[in-house]
Every structure is written in structure tokens, then in C-alpha cells.
Amino acid sequence: MIAGMSELPTGPSSRRAKRMVSELRQASRIFLLSPANVAGIRAGLVMDEKGDSEMARRVRQDGVPLGQLFSFMSGLYFRGKLAYARAFAAAPPDVAGAFVITASGGLVPADTLVTLDRLREISVGSIDPSDERYRTPLDRDAQVLSEAAGTNCEIVLLGSIATPKYVDPLLSVFGGRLVFPAEFVGRGDMSRGGLMLRCVESGEQLTYIPVLEATRRGRKPPKLEPLVRKASP
């Protein structure tokens, strides 16, 4: 755990230590992922109590990590978000690096095991800031996360900012700490997913800008170049 600023000694070495502490704190980064569509075809394969796929059996029994479950339901977009968050999260001690925004369960760590019953509980209602089933748990969890993460931790939204469904509730808690990849503007879901997987492969992050200052809609960027698969040795 990083030492508190007040606990560090004085002198030149202390100033260096304080600078290192400051840099480490500024590097803190937590990702908030928009959810998968639980009304889609692949979601139906999982949520059917008689479903015979491996994923359906697992979620009915011991549960499946929410991130893995939503990756199965959503495909490329959520898979890209989850891989990106796992690659580049730098959360403070004892805080998860990636949370999933849910319709009625607030912010759920992506590695949380979720059963079918729990999945249904957190998917009730609509993702609409005027729906109390969505807003109340989200406001609660965002406030808890804000206090745990501290004021120097970036909160990166991997989801749409074109509508108020995520932006309004999150801005009300995180304010200027809420950032968004500038490269997302103008891209569709599949393009965003592919872009993030390329970033994971290259080890280079996207450019984060404050949501307060972001252009919420923009021109469609050029298509991504096809991935060049590395030959197996």
C-alpha cells in the first residue's frame, strides 16, 4: 500500500518519495463498462432455464464471472472492453479495476460470479436515469467507488456518451475524473471492440479526455486495418 503523504520524512529524499507517491496516485485508473444486451439471441441461450450449452449449465450451477458472461452474450464489443480494462487498469489497493454498469444492480466488479437468479436480479428494468431501479443502486455504488478510489484516480467510461444514460449519473458523482476514449467518437460498437483488442495487442492505450469536454457525436473515422495474425512458431 502507498504510504500516506503525512507519514513520509522530510528532506530531499522525502521530496522524491512524495513525487513518486503523487505519480503513482495519478496513474490510478478504473474502468466502467457498459453492459451487454440481455435481450439478444446469445443472451437467450444463457438465460433459458433449459439451455444445454456449457455456459447455460455453468450459470445455473456455480455461476460465471459477469465479465465472461457478458463477453459471451455480446461478442466483440464487450470482449474488447473487458480485455482492454484488464490490460490497462491500475486501481488503488483493494479496489477492483473493472466494473460493469448494470440495469438494477449498480456497479458490479467484472470478476464477480453471477448465477442465473442473480443475473435476472441485476437486469430488471431499463438503463434510464429516470428509472429508480437503475439510478438508485448506481448512485450508491458510484459514491462508494468515488470515496475508495480517491480524487486522483481516473474513472474511464467504456460505453456510449451520445446519450445521458451513463453520462448523467456518473458525472454527478465523478465530475472531471470521468474520462472517455477520444477515439470512440463516431465509431460503432464493433469498431470500438476491434480497436480495443488492437490496443491490448500493441500495449498502447487510447487517449482519454474528460467527458465534460468531449465531443459526444462526430464523423465516422476510417475503417480499422485488418489485424495481421502472427504466424505460429
C-alpha atoms as a PDB file:
ATOM      1  CA  MET A   1       0.000   0.000   0.000  1.00  0.00           C
ATOM      2  CA  ILE A   2       1.236   3.522  -0.759  1.00  0.00           C
ATOM      3  CA  ALA A   3       2.283   5.440   2.339  1.00  0.00           C
ATOM      4  CA  GLY A   4       0.309   8.499   3.339  1.00  0.00           C
ATOM      5  CA  MET A   5       1.904  11.803   2.444  1.00  0.00           C
ATOM      6  CA  SER A   6       1.953  12.933   6.069  1.00  0.00           C
ATOM      7  CA  GLU A   7       3.859   9.805   7.117  1.00  0.00           C
ATOM      8  CA  LEU A   8       6.867  10.476   4.883  1.00  0.00           C
ATOM      9  CA  PRO A   9      10.022  12.088   6.390  1.00  0.00           C
ATOM     10  CA  THR A  10      11.293  15.489   5.332  1.00  0.00           C
ATOM     11  CA  GLY A  11      14.381  16.310   3.234  1.00  0.00           C
ATOM     12  CA  PRO A  12      15.435  15.752  -0.415  1.00  0.00           C
ATOM     13  CA  SER A  13      14.720  12.022  -0.300  1.00  0.00           C
ATOM     14  CA  SER A  14      11.310  12.820   1.147  1.00  0.00           C
ATOM     15  CA  ARG A  15      10.519  15.161  -1.723  1.00  0.00           C
ATOM     16  CA  ARG A  16      11.423  12.440  -4.211  1.00  0.00           C
ATOM     17  CA  ALA A  17       9.274   9.959  -2.301  1.00  0.00           C
ATOM     18  CA  LYS A  18       6.361  12.369  -2.287  1.00  0.00           C
ATOM     19  CA  ARG A  19       6.769  12.912  -6.023  1.00  0.00           C
ATOM     20  CA  MET A  20       6.748   9.137  -6.575  1.00  0.00           C
ATOM     21  CA  VAL A  21       3.629   8.784  -4.431  1.00  0.00           C
ATOM     22  CA  SER A  22       1.958  11.557  -6.400  1.00  0.00           C
ATOM     23  CA  GLU A  23       2.862   9.925  -9.724  1.00  0.00           C
ATOM     24  CA  LEU A  24       1.580   6.557  -8.573  1.00  0.00           C
ATOM     25  CA  ARG A  25      -1.680   8.055  -7.407  1.00  0.00           C
ATOM     26  CA  GLN A  26      -2.135   9.986 -10.628  1.00  0.00           C
ATOM     27  CA  ALA A  27      -1.625   6.744 -12.555  1.00  0.00           C
ATOM     28  CA  SER A  28      -4.616   5.132 -10.840  1.00  0.00           C
ATOM     29  CA  ARG A  29      -7.241   4.124 -13.377  1.00  0.00           C
ATOM     30  CA  ILE A  30     -10.542   2.262 -13.055  1.00  0.00           C
ATOM     31  CA  PHE A  31     -12.793   1.243 -15.934  1.00  0.00           C
ATOM     32  CA  LEU A  32     -16.592   1.268 -16.038  1.00  0.00           C
ATOM     33  CA  LEU A  33     -18.003  -0.992 -18.762  1.00  0.00           C
ATOM     34  CA  SER A  34     -21.439  -0.607 -20.293  1.00  0.00           C
ATOM     35  CA  PRO A  35     -23.396  -3.892 -20.121  1.00  0.00           C
ATOM     36  CA  ALA A  36     -24.243  -6.483 -22.744  1.00  0.00           C
ATOM     37  CA  ASN A  37     -27.742  -6.709 -24.183  1.00  0.00           C
ATOM     38  CA  VAL A  38     -29.540  -9.357 -22.117  1.00  0.00           C
ATOM     39  CA  ALA A  39     -32.409  -9.443 -24.634  1.00  0.00           C
ATOM     40  CA  GLY A  40     -30.247 -10.645 -27.508  1.00  0.00           C
ATOM     41  CA  ILE A  41     -30.148 -14.085 -29.095  1.00  0.00           C
ATOM     42  CA  ARG A  42     -26.953 -15.193 -27.370  1.00  0.00           C
ATOM     43  CA  ALA A  43     -28.256 -13.940 -24.033  1.00  0.00           C
ATOM     44  CA  GLY A  44     -31.358 -16.054 -24.549  1.00  0.00           C
ATOM     45  CA  LEU A  45     -29.183 -19.152 -24.854  1.00  0.00           C
ATOM     46  CA  VAL A  46     -27.851 -18.467 -21.371  1.00  0.00           C
ATOM     47  CA  MET A  47     -30.998 -17.264 -19.625  1.00  0.00           C
ATOM     48  CA  ASP A  48     -33.144 -20.164 -20.795  1.00  0.00           C
ATOM     49  CA  GLU A  49     -33.553 -22.474 -17.803  1.00  0.00           C
ATOM     50  CA  LYS A  50     -33.498 -25.441 -20.186  1.00  0.00           C
ATOM     51  CA  GLY A  51     -30.451 -24.229 -22.097  1.00  0.00           C
ATOM     52  CA  ASP A  52     -27.970 -27.025 -22.741  1.00  0.00           C
ATOM     53  CA  SER A  53     -24.831 -25.059 -23.605  1.00  0.00           C
ATOM     54  CA  GLU A  54     -21.846 -25.185 -21.274  1.00  0.00           C
ATOM     55  CA  MET A  55     -22.325 -21.514 -20.378  1.00  0.00           C
ATOM     56  CA  ALA A  56     -26.012 -22.051 -19.582  1.00  0.00           C
ATOM     57  CA  ARG A  57     -25.206 -25.001 -17.317  1.00  0.00           C
ATOM     58  CA  ARG A  58     -22.462 -23.112 -15.508  1.00  0.00           C
ATOM     59  CA  VAL A  59     -24.597 -20.041 -14.825  1.00  0.00           C
ATOM     60  CA  ARG A  60     -27.378 -22.246 -13.399  1.00  0.00           C
ATOM     61  CA  GLN A  61     -24.950 -24.017 -11.073  1.00  0.00           C
ATOM     62  CA  ASP A  62     -21.935 -22.280  -9.531  1.00  0.00           C
ATOM     63  CA  GLY A  63     -22.136 -19.118 -11.589  1.00  0.00           C
ATOM     64  CA  VAL A  64     -19.928 -17.411 -14.183  1.00  0.00           C
ATOM     65  CA  PRO A  65     -17.831 -14.222 -13.814  1.00  0.00           C
ATOM     66  CA  LEU A  66     -20.023 -11.376 -15.061  1.00  0.00           C
ATOM     67  CA  GLY A  67     -17.387 -10.151 -17.495  1.00  0.00           C
ATOM     68  CA  GLN A  68     -17.051 -13.581 -19.085  1.00  0.00           C
ATOM     69  CA  LEU A  69     -20.812 -13.972 -19.220  1.00  0.00           C
ATOM     70  CA  PHE A  70     -21.370 -10.626 -20.933  1.00  0.00           C
ATOM     71  CA  SER A  71     -18.495 -11.354 -23.343  1.00  0.00           C
ATOM     72  CA  PHE A  72     -20.369 -14.463 -24.420  1.00  0.00           C
ATOM     73  CA  MET A  73     -23.618 -12.543 -24.846  1.00  0.00           C
ATOM     74  CA  SER A  74     -22.185  -9.530 -26.625  1.00  0.00           C
ATOM     75  CA  GLY A  75     -19.274 -10.822 -28.662  1.00  0.00           C
ATOM     76  CA  LEU A  76     -16.594  -8.458 -29.974  1.00  0.00           C
ATOM     77  CA  TYR A  77     -17.614  -5.189 -28.279  1.00  0.00           C
ATOM     78  CA  PHE A  78     -17.773  -6.389 -24.698  1.00  0.00           C
ATOM     79  CA  ARG A  79     -14.867  -8.778 -25.211  1.00  0.00           C
ATOM     80  CA  GLY A  80     -12.784  -5.809 -26.340  1.00  0.00           C
ATOM     81  CA  LYS A  81     -13.842  -3.700 -23.367  1.00  0.00           C
ATOM     82  CA  LEU A  82     -13.066  -6.439 -20.879  1.00  0.00           C
ATOM     83  CA  ALA A  83      -9.677  -7.284 -22.381  1.00  0.00           C
ATOM     84  CA  TYR A  84      -8.769  -3.594 -22.523  1.00  0.00           C
ATOM     85  CA  ALA A  85      -9.797  -2.948 -18.930  1.00  0.00           C
ATOM     86  CA  ARG A  86      -7.838  -5.954 -17.681  1.00  0.00           C
ATOM     87  CA  ALA A  87      -4.766  -4.867 -19.622  1.00  0.00           C
ATOM     88  CA  PHE A  88      -4.693  -1.224 -18.537  1.00  0.00           C
ATOM     89  CA  ALA A  89      -6.479  -0.938 -15.183  1.00  0.00           C
ATOM     90  CA  ALA A  90      -4.315   0.473 -12.394  1.00  0.00           C
ATOM     91  CA  ALA A  91      -6.683   0.554  -9.445  1.00  0.00           C
ATOM     92  CA  PRO A  92      -5.764   1.639  -5.916  1.00  0.00           C
ATOM     93  CA  PRO A  93      -5.181  -1.175  -3.385  1.00  0.00           C
ATOM     94  CA  ASP A  94      -8.228  -3.299  -2.551  1.00  0.00           C
ATOM     95  CA  VAL A  95     -10.328  -1.779  -5.341  1.00  0.00           C
ATOM     96  CA  ALA A  96     -11.356  -3.689  -8.480  1.00  0.00           C
ATOM     97  CA  GLY A  97     -10.017  -2.345 -11.755  1.00  0.00           C
ATOM     98  CA  ALA A  98     -13.120  -3.009 -13.860  1.00  0.00           C
ATOM     99  CA  PHE A  99     -16.808  -2.644 -13.014  1.00  0.00           C
ATOM    100  CA  VAL A 100     -19.845  -3.416 -15.151  1.00  0.00           C
ATOM    101  CA  ILE A 101     -22.742  -0.958 -15.151  1.00  0.00           C
ATOM    102  CA  THR A 102     -25.952  -2.949 -14.678  1.00  0.00           C
ATOM    103  CA  ALA A 103     -29.638  -2.170 -15.118  1.00  0.00           C
ATOM    104  CA  SER A 104     -30.582  -2.673 -11.476  1.00  0.00           C
ATOM    105  CA  GLY A 105     -27.513  -3.914  -9.602  1.00  0.00           C
ATOM    106  CA  GLY A 106     -25.341  -0.822  -9.632  1.00  0.00           C
ATOM    107  CA  LEU A 107     -21.645  -1.295 -10.385  1.00  0.00           C
ATOM    108  CA  VAL A 108     -20.585  -4.940 -10.295  1.00  0.00           C
ATOM    109  CA  PRO A 109     -16.899  -5.966 -10.435  1.00  0.00           C
ATOM    110  CA  ALA A 110     -16.306  -7.800 -13.709  1.00  0.00           C
ATOM    111  CA  ASP A 111     -14.882 -10.869 -11.945  1.00  0.00           C
ATOM    112  CA  THR A 112     -17.929 -11.338  -9.698  1.00  0.00           C
ATOM    113  CA  LEU A 113     -19.501 -14.782 -10.004  1.00  0.00           C
ATOM    114  CA  VAL A 114     -23.112 -14.422 -11.137  1.00  0.00           C
ATOM    115  CA  THR A 115     -25.765 -17.132 -11.146  1.00  0.00           C
ATOM    116  CA  LEU A 116     -28.854 -17.138 -13.341  1.00  0.00           C
ATOM    117  CA  ASP A 117     -31.007 -15.824 -10.495  1.00  0.00           C
ATOM    118  CA  ARG A 118     -28.557 -13.031  -9.772  1.00  0.00           C
ATOM    119  CA  LEU A 119     -28.260 -12.170 -13.450  1.00  0.00           C
ATOM    120  CA  ARG A 120     -32.002 -11.718 -13.631  1.00  0.00           C
ATOM    121  CA  GLU A 121     -31.984  -9.555 -10.495  1.00  0.00           C
ATOM    122  CA  ILE A 122     -29.400  -7.118 -11.856  1.00  0.00           C
ATOM    123  CA  SER A 123     -31.009  -6.978 -15.309  1.00  0.00           C
ATOM    124  CA  VAL A 124     -34.506  -5.884 -14.295  1.00  0.00           C
ATOM    125  CA  GLY A 125     -35.686  -2.529 -15.584  1.00  0.00           C
ATOM    126  CA  SER A 126     -34.185  -0.200 -18.147  1.00  0.00           C
ATOM    127  CA  ILE A 127     -30.925   1.722 -18.283  1.00  0.00           C
ATOM    128  CA  ASP A 128     -32.613   5.075 -17.973  1.00  0.00           C
ATOM    129  CA  PRO A 129     -31.610   7.796 -15.493  1.00  0.00           C
ATOM    130  CA  SER A 130     -35.297   8.328 -14.699  1.00  0.00           C
ATOM    131  CA  ASP A 131     -35.752   4.677 -13.640  1.00  0.00           C
ATOM    132  CA  GLU A 132     -35.128   4.405  -9.907  1.00  0.00           C
ATOM    133  CA  ARG A 133     -34.289   0.709 -10.230  1.00  0.00           C
ATOM    134  CA  TYR A 134     -31.302   1.755 -12.312  1.00  0.00           C
ATOM    135  CA  ARG A 135     -30.401   5.073 -10.742  1.00  0.00           C
ATOM    136  CA  THR A 136     -30.558   4.303  -7.004  1.00  0.00           C
ATOM    137  CA  PRO A 137     -28.034   1.418  -6.902  1.00  0.00           C
ATOM    138  CA  LEU A 138     -25.821   3.139  -9.473  1.00  0.00           C
ATOM    139  CA  ASP A 139     -25.672   6.355  -7.456  1.00  0.00           C
ATOM    140  CA  ARG A 140     -24.935   4.339  -4.304  1.00  0.00           C
ATOM    141  CA  ASP A 141     -22.104   2.297  -5.810  1.00  0.00           C
ATOM    142  CA  ALA A 142     -20.600   5.224  -7.690  1.00  0.00           C
ATOM    143  CA  GLN A 143     -20.372   7.195  -4.451  1.00  0.00           C
ATOM    144  CA  VAL A 144     -18.713   4.273  -2.653  1.00  0.00           C
ATOM    145  CA  LEU A 145     -16.252   3.845  -5.535  1.00  0.00           C
ATOM    146  CA  SER A 146     -15.519   7.565  -5.630  1.00  0.00           C
ATOM    147  CA  GLU A 147     -14.521   7.564  -1.972  1.00  0.00           C
ATOM    148  CA  ALA A 148     -12.489   4.351  -2.264  1.00  0.00           C
ATOM    149  CA  ALA A 149     -10.640   5.417  -5.410  1.00  0.00           C
ATOM    150  CA  GLY A 150      -9.682   8.879  -4.227  1.00  0.00           C
ATOM    151  CA  THR A 151      -9.554  12.157  -6.089  1.00  0.00           C
ATOM    152  CA  ASN A 152      -6.521  11.323  -8.265  1.00  0.00           C
ATOM    153  CA  CYS A 153      -7.967   8.192  -9.851  1.00  0.00           C
ATOM    154  CA  GLU A 154      -9.248   8.361 -13.427  1.00  0.00           C
ATOM    155  CA  ILE A 155     -12.630   6.770 -13.994  1.00  0.00           C
ATOM    156  CA  VAL A 156     -12.710   5.622 -17.617  1.00  0.00           C
ATOM    157  CA  LEU A 157     -16.119   5.025 -19.177  1.00  0.00           C
ATOM    158  CA  LEU A 158     -16.065   2.341 -21.867  1.00  0.00           C
ATOM    159  CA  GLY A 159     -19.549   2.958 -23.173  1.00  0.00           C
ATOM    160  CA  SER A 160     -21.602   5.472 -25.101  1.00  0.00           C
ATOM    161  CA  ILE A 161     -21.583   9.157 -24.209  1.00  0.00           C
ATOM    162  CA  ALA A 162     -24.012  10.061 -27.001  1.00  0.00           C
ATOM    163  CA  THR A 163     -26.994   9.740 -24.631  1.00  0.00           C
ATOM    164  CA  PRO A 164     -27.410  10.630 -20.930  1.00  0.00           C
ATOM    165  CA  LYS A 165     -27.984   7.031 -19.759  1.00  0.00           C
ATOM    166  CA  TYR A 166     -24.437   6.620 -18.410  1.00  0.00           C
ATOM    167  CA  VAL A 167     -23.107  10.156 -18.550  1.00  0.00           C
ATOM    168  CA  ASP A 168     -25.648  11.933 -16.333  1.00  0.00           C
ATOM    169  CA  PRO A 169     -25.483   9.600 -13.303  1.00  0.00           C
ATOM    170  CA  LEU A 170     -21.700   9.177 -13.468  1.00  0.00           C
ATOM    171  CA  LEU A 171     -20.874  12.855 -13.990  1.00  0.00           C
ATOM    172  CA  SER A 172     -22.956  13.762 -10.962  1.00  0.00           C
ATOM    173  CA  VAL A 173     -20.573  11.713  -8.796  1.00  0.00           C
ATOM    174  CA  PHE A 174     -17.185  11.702 -10.563  1.00  0.00           C
ATOM    175  CA  GLY A 175     -17.265  15.086 -12.280  1.00  0.00           C
ATOM    176  CA  GLY A 176     -13.976  15.883 -14.005  1.00  0.00           C
ATOM    177  CA  ARG A 177     -12.486  12.500 -13.094  1.00  0.00           C
ATOM    178  CA  LEU A 178     -14.821  10.791 -15.568  1.00  0.00           C
ATOM    179  CA  VAL A 179     -12.966  10.331 -18.861  1.00  0.00           C
ATOM    180  CA  PHE A 180     -13.673   8.660 -22.180  1.00  0.00           C
ATOM    181  CA  PRO A 181     -11.531   7.415 -25.100  1.00  0.00           C
ATOM    182  CA  ALA A 182     -11.463  10.179 -27.704  1.00  0.00           C
ATOM    183  CA  GLU A 183     -11.072   7.537 -30.418  1.00  0.00           C
ATOM    184  CA  PHE A 184     -14.561   6.199 -29.647  1.00  0.00           C
ATOM    185  CA  VAL A 185     -16.298   9.236 -31.119  1.00  0.00           C
ATOM    186  CA  GLY A 186     -18.018   8.344 -34.380  1.00  0.00           C
ATOM    187  CA  ARG A 187     -17.296   4.614 -34.102  1.00  0.00           C
ATOM    188  CA  GLY A 188     -19.869   1.856 -33.845  1.00  0.00           C
ATOM    189  CA  ASP A 189     -19.728  -0.898 -31.251  1.00  0.00           C
ATOM    190  CA  MET A 190     -17.904  -3.430 -33.417  1.00  0.00           C
ATOM    191  CA  SER A 191     -15.276  -0.889 -34.447  1.00  0.00           C
ATOM    192  CA  ARG A 192     -14.703   0.080 -30.811  1.00  0.00           C
ATOM    193  CA  GLY A 193     -14.318  -3.553 -29.825  1.00  0.00           C
ATOM    194  CA  GLY A 194     -11.787  -4.194 -32.577  1.00  0.00           C
ATOM    195  CA  LEU A 195      -9.892  -1.022 -31.704  1.00  0.00           C
ATOM    196  CA  MET A 196      -9.539  -2.031 -28.060  1.00  0.00           C
ATOM    197  CA  LEU A 197      -8.311  -5.518 -28.928  1.00  0.00           C
ATOM    198  CA  ARG A 198      -5.639  -3.917 -31.127  1.00  0.00           C
ATOM    199  CA  CYS A 199      -4.598  -1.726 -28.208  1.00  0.00           C
ATOM    200  CA  VAL A 200      -4.250  -4.757 -25.964  1.00  0.00           C
ATOM    201  CA  GLU A 201      -2.066  -6.446 -28.566  1.00  0.00           C
ATOM    202  CA  SER A 202       0.143  -3.386 -29.055  1.00  0.00           C
ATOM    203  CA  GLY A 203       0.252  -2.392 -25.392  1.00  0.00           C
ATOM    204  CA  GLU A 204      -0.739   1.187 -26.245  1.00  0.00           C
ATOM    205  CA  GLN A 205      -3.676   2.897 -24.572  1.00  0.00           C
ATOM    206  CA  LEU A 206      -6.246   5.138 -26.162  1.00  0.00           C
ATOM    207  CA  THR A 207      -6.395   8.882 -25.473  1.00  0.00           C
ATOM    208  CA  TYR A 208      -8.617   9.771 -22.536  1.00  0.00           C
ATOM    209  CA  ILE A 209     -10.442  13.080 -22.406  1.00  0.00           C
ATOM    210  CA  PRO A 210     -12.837  14.431 -19.758  1.00  0.00           C
ATOM    211  CA  VAL A 211     -16.448  13.600 -20.594  1.00  0.00           C
ATOM    212  CA  LEU A 212     -17.324  17.163 -19.619  1.00  0.00           C
ATOM    213  CA  GLU A 213     -15.253  18.405 -22.572  1.00  0.00           C
ATOM    214  CA  ALA A 214     -15.816  15.535 -25.012  1.00  0.00           C
ATOM    215  CA  THR A 215     -17.487  15.800 -28.396  1.00  0.00           C
ATOM    216  CA  ARG A 216     -20.363  13.386 -27.940  1.00  0.00           C
ATOM    217  CA  ARG A 217     -21.036  12.863 -31.621  1.00  0.00           C
ATOM    218  CA  GLY A 218     -18.621  13.086 -34.513  1.00  0.00           C
ATOM    219  CA  ARG A 219     -17.788  11.995 -38.031  1.00  0.00           C
ATOM    220  CA  LYS A 220     -17.242   8.314 -38.636  1.00  0.00           C
ATOM    221  CA  PRO A 221     -13.495   7.574 -38.675  1.00  0.00           C
ATOM    222  CA  PRO A 222     -11.816   5.383 -41.337  1.00  0.00           C
ATOM    223  CA  LYS A 223     -12.201   1.629 -41.025  1.00  0.00           C
ATOM    224  CA  LEU A 224      -9.624  -0.229 -38.984  1.00  0.00           C
ATOM    225  CA  GLU A 225      -6.870  -2.008 -40.853  1.00  0.00           C
ATOM    226  CA  PRO A 226      -7.226  -5.808 -40.708  1.00  0.00           C
ATOM    227  CA  LEU A 227      -5.309  -7.451 -37.919  1.00  0.00           C
ATOM    228  CA  VAL A 228      -2.135  -9.181 -39.047  1.00  0.00           C
ATOM    229  CA  ARG A 229      -2.046 -12.539 -37.344  1.00  0.00           C
ATOM    230  CA  LYS A 230       1.356 -13.641 -36.100  1.00  0.00           C
ATOM    231  CA  ALA A 231       2.489 -16.941 -37.525  1.00  0.00           C
ATOM    232  CA  SER A 232       2.809 -19.771 -35.032  1.00  0.00           C
ATOM    233  CA  PRO A 233       6.387 -20.895 -34.435  1.00  0.00           C
END
